[in-house]
Amino acid sequence: MESTEITNYSKYLKRSKEMGRRQQVLLAFSIGTFFFSIFLAYSYAFWLGGIWIEKRYYNHILKRAYMGGDILGVFWGILFGFFALS
């Protein structure tokens, strides 16, 4: 009787460990993808802001070319847009 219970417990424990490992791998992949997407949005925002400053794109709202402080506006705009899409 006791050996049967030990066998059943071991069988279900092994199945539970395998399921836990799969879940951990999936969770790690999901978190990694999420952070990769965030850092990709960061880099895109600073890259685009840098191009706007270098090419001296005209800002029609402020009636002047984009400046260094405007990169932060581009950064937050793209970041909020990214979060809205996700």
C-alpha atoms as a PDB file:
ATOM      1  CA  MET A   1       0.000   0.000   0.000  1.00  0.00           C
ATOM      2  CA  GLU A   2       2.693   2.472   0.969  1.00  0.00           C
ATOM      3  CA  SER A   3       4.857   1.634  -2.042  1.00  0.00           C
ATOM      4  CA  THR A   4       1.866   2.252  -4.340  1.00  0.00           C
ATOM      5  CA  GLU A   5       1.370   5.705  -2.855  1.00  0.00           C
ATOM      6  CA  ILE A   6       5.067   6.499  -3.202  1.00  0.00           C
ATOM      7  CA  THR A   7       4.964   5.415  -6.860  1.00  0.00           C
ATOM      8  CA  ASN A   8       1.871   7.534  -7.557  1.00  0.00           C
ATOM      9  CA  TYR A   9       3.362  10.530  -5.751  1.00  0.00           C
ATOM     10  CA  SER A  10       6.625  10.227  -7.675  1.00  0.00           C
ATOM     11  CA  LYS A  11       4.774   9.935 -10.986  1.00  0.00           C
ATOM     12  CA  TYR A  12       2.693  13.041 -10.363  1.00  0.00           C
ATOM     13  CA  LEU A  13       5.656  14.925  -8.931  1.00  0.00           C
ATOM     14  CA  LYS A  14       7.654  14.231 -12.087  1.00  0.00           C
ATOM     15  CA  ARG A  15       4.753  15.427 -14.253  1.00  0.00           C
ATOM     16  CA  SER A  16       4.434  18.548 -12.111  1.00  0.00           C
ATOM     17  CA  LYS A  17       8.154  19.326 -12.412  1.00  0.00           C
ATOM     18  CA  GLU A  18       8.001  19.046 -16.212  1.00  0.00           C
ATOM     19  CA  MET A  19       4.988  21.347 -16.357  1.00  0.00           C
ATOM     20  CA  GLY A  20       6.716  23.833 -14.042  1.00  0.00           C
ATOM     21  CA  ARG A  21       9.801  23.901 -16.248  1.00  0.00           C
ATOM     22  CA  ARG A  22       7.727  24.532 -19.364  1.00  0.00           C
ATOM     23  CA  GLN A  23       5.891  27.326 -17.598  1.00  0.00           C
ATOM     24  CA  GLN A  24       9.161  28.906 -16.434  1.00  0.00           C
ATOM     25  CA  VAL A  25      10.610  28.801 -19.942  1.00  0.00           C
ATOM     26  CA  LEU A  26       7.459  30.384 -21.359  1.00  0.00           C
ATOM     27  CA  LEU A  27       7.464  33.064 -18.674  1.00  0.00           C
ATOM     28  CA  ALA A  28      11.153  33.819 -19.230  1.00  0.00           C
ATOM     29  CA  PHE A  29      10.587  34.078 -22.991  1.00  0.00           C
ATOM     30  CA  SER A  30       7.591  36.385 -22.472  1.00  0.00           C
ATOM     31  CA  ILE A  31       9.453  38.697 -20.094  1.00  0.00           C
ATOM     32  CA  GLY A  32      12.488  38.721 -22.382  1.00  0.00           C
ATOM     33  CA  THR A  33      10.331  39.619 -25.379  1.00  0.00           C
ATOM     34  CA  PHE A  34       8.599  42.362 -23.410  1.00  0.00           C
ATOM     35  CA  PHE A  35      11.863  43.971 -22.295  1.00  0.00           C
ATOM     36  CA  PHE A  36      13.349  43.576 -25.777  1.00  0.00           C
ATOM     37  CA  SER A  37      10.351  45.452 -27.174  1.00  0.00           C
ATOM     38  CA  ILE A  38      10.682  48.220 -24.589  1.00  0.00           C
ATOM     39  CA  PHE A  39      14.392  48.698 -25.266  1.00  0.00           C
ATOM     40  CA  LEU A  40      13.716  48.590 -29.002  1.00  0.00           C
ATOM     41  CA  ALA A  41      11.179  51.401 -28.529  1.00  0.00           C
ATOM     42  CA  TYR A  42      13.745  53.373 -26.494  1.00  0.00           C
ATOM     43  CA  SER A  43      16.401  53.024 -29.166  1.00  0.00           C
ATOM     44  CA  TYR A  44      13.959  53.887 -31.952  1.00  0.00           C
ATOM     45  CA  ALA A  45      12.814  57.003 -30.124  1.00  0.00           C
ATOM     46  CA  PHE A  46      16.349  58.313 -29.576  1.00  0.00           C
ATOM     47  CA  TRP A  47      17.399  57.371 -33.102  1.00  0.00           C
ATOM     48  CA  LEU A  48      14.407  59.181 -34.620  1.00  0.00           C
ATOM     49  CA  GLY A  49      14.920  62.201 -32.358  1.00  0.00           C
ATOM     50  CA  GLY A  50      18.571  62.353 -33.380  1.00  0.00           C
ATOM     51  CA  ILE A  51      17.664  62.273 -37.057  1.00  0.00           C
ATOM     52  CA  TRP A  52      15.139  65.060 -36.571  1.00  0.00           C
ATOM     53  CA  ILE A  53      17.794  67.225 -34.927  1.00  0.00           C
ATOM     54  CA  GLU A  54      20.523  66.393 -37.422  1.00  0.00           C
ATOM     55  CA  LYS A  55      18.306  67.033 -40.470  1.00  0.00           C
ATOM     56  CA  ARG A  56      16.881  70.150 -38.814  1.00  0.00           C
ATOM     57  CA  TYR A  57      13.264  69.167 -39.342  1.00  0.00           C
ATOM     58  CA  TYR A  58      10.919  72.064 -38.757  1.00  0.00           C
ATOM     59  CA  ASN A  59       8.570  71.886 -35.781  1.00  0.00           C
ATOM     60  CA  HIS A  60       5.390  73.649 -36.895  1.00  0.00           C
ATOM     61  CA  ILE A  61       3.983  73.865 -33.379  1.00  0.00           C
ATOM     62  CA  LEU A  62       6.992  75.665 -31.884  1.00  0.00           C
ATOM     63  CA  LYS A  63       7.859  77.506 -35.133  1.00  0.00           C
ATOM     64  CA  ARG A  64      11.511  76.371 -35.040  1.00  0.00           C
ATOM     65  CA  ALA A  65      13.708  73.384 -35.837  1.00  0.00           C
ATOM     66  CA  TYR A  66      13.824  70.495 -33.394  1.00  0.00           C
ATOM     67  CA  MET A  67      16.383  70.834 -30.599  1.00  0.00           C
ATOM     68  CA  GLY A  68      18.065  68.526 -28.069  1.00  0.00           C
ATOM     69  CA  GLY A  69      15.289  68.794 -25.488  1.00  0.00           C
ATOM     70  CA  ASP A  70      12.761  67.734 -28.089  1.00  0.00           C
ATOM     71  CA  ILE A  71      14.297  64.254 -28.175  1.00  0.00           C
ATOM     72  CA  LEU A  72      12.671  63.591 -24.818  1.00  0.00           C
ATOM     73  CA  GLY A  73       9.310  64.565 -26.255  1.00  0.00           C
ATOM     74  CA  VAL A  74       9.846  62.166 -29.150  1.00  0.00           C
ATOM     75  CA  PHE A  75      11.023  59.519 -26.686  1.00  0.00           C
ATOM     76  CA  TRP A  76       7.949  59.768 -24.458  1.00  0.00           C
ATOM     77  CA  GLY A  77       5.606  60.005 -27.443  1.00  0.00           C
ATOM     78  CA  ILE A  78       6.929  56.804 -28.976  1.00  0.00           C
ATOM     79  CA  LEU A  79       7.054  55.073 -25.604  1.00  0.00           C
ATOM     80  CA  PHE A  80       3.430  55.933 -24.793  1.00  0.00           C
ATOM     81  CA  GLY A  81       2.400  54.891 -28.293  1.00  0.00           C
ATOM     82  CA  PHE A  82       4.172  51.569 -27.815  1.00  0.00           C
ATOM     83  CA  PHE A  83       2.390  50.958 -24.521  1.00  0.00           C
ATOM     84  CA  ALA A  84      -0.936  51.873 -26.111  1.00  0.00           C
ATOM     85  CA  LEU A  85      -0.356  49.278 -28.835  1.00  0.00           C
ATOM     86  CA  SER A  86       0.675  46.599 -26.385  1.00  0.00           C
END
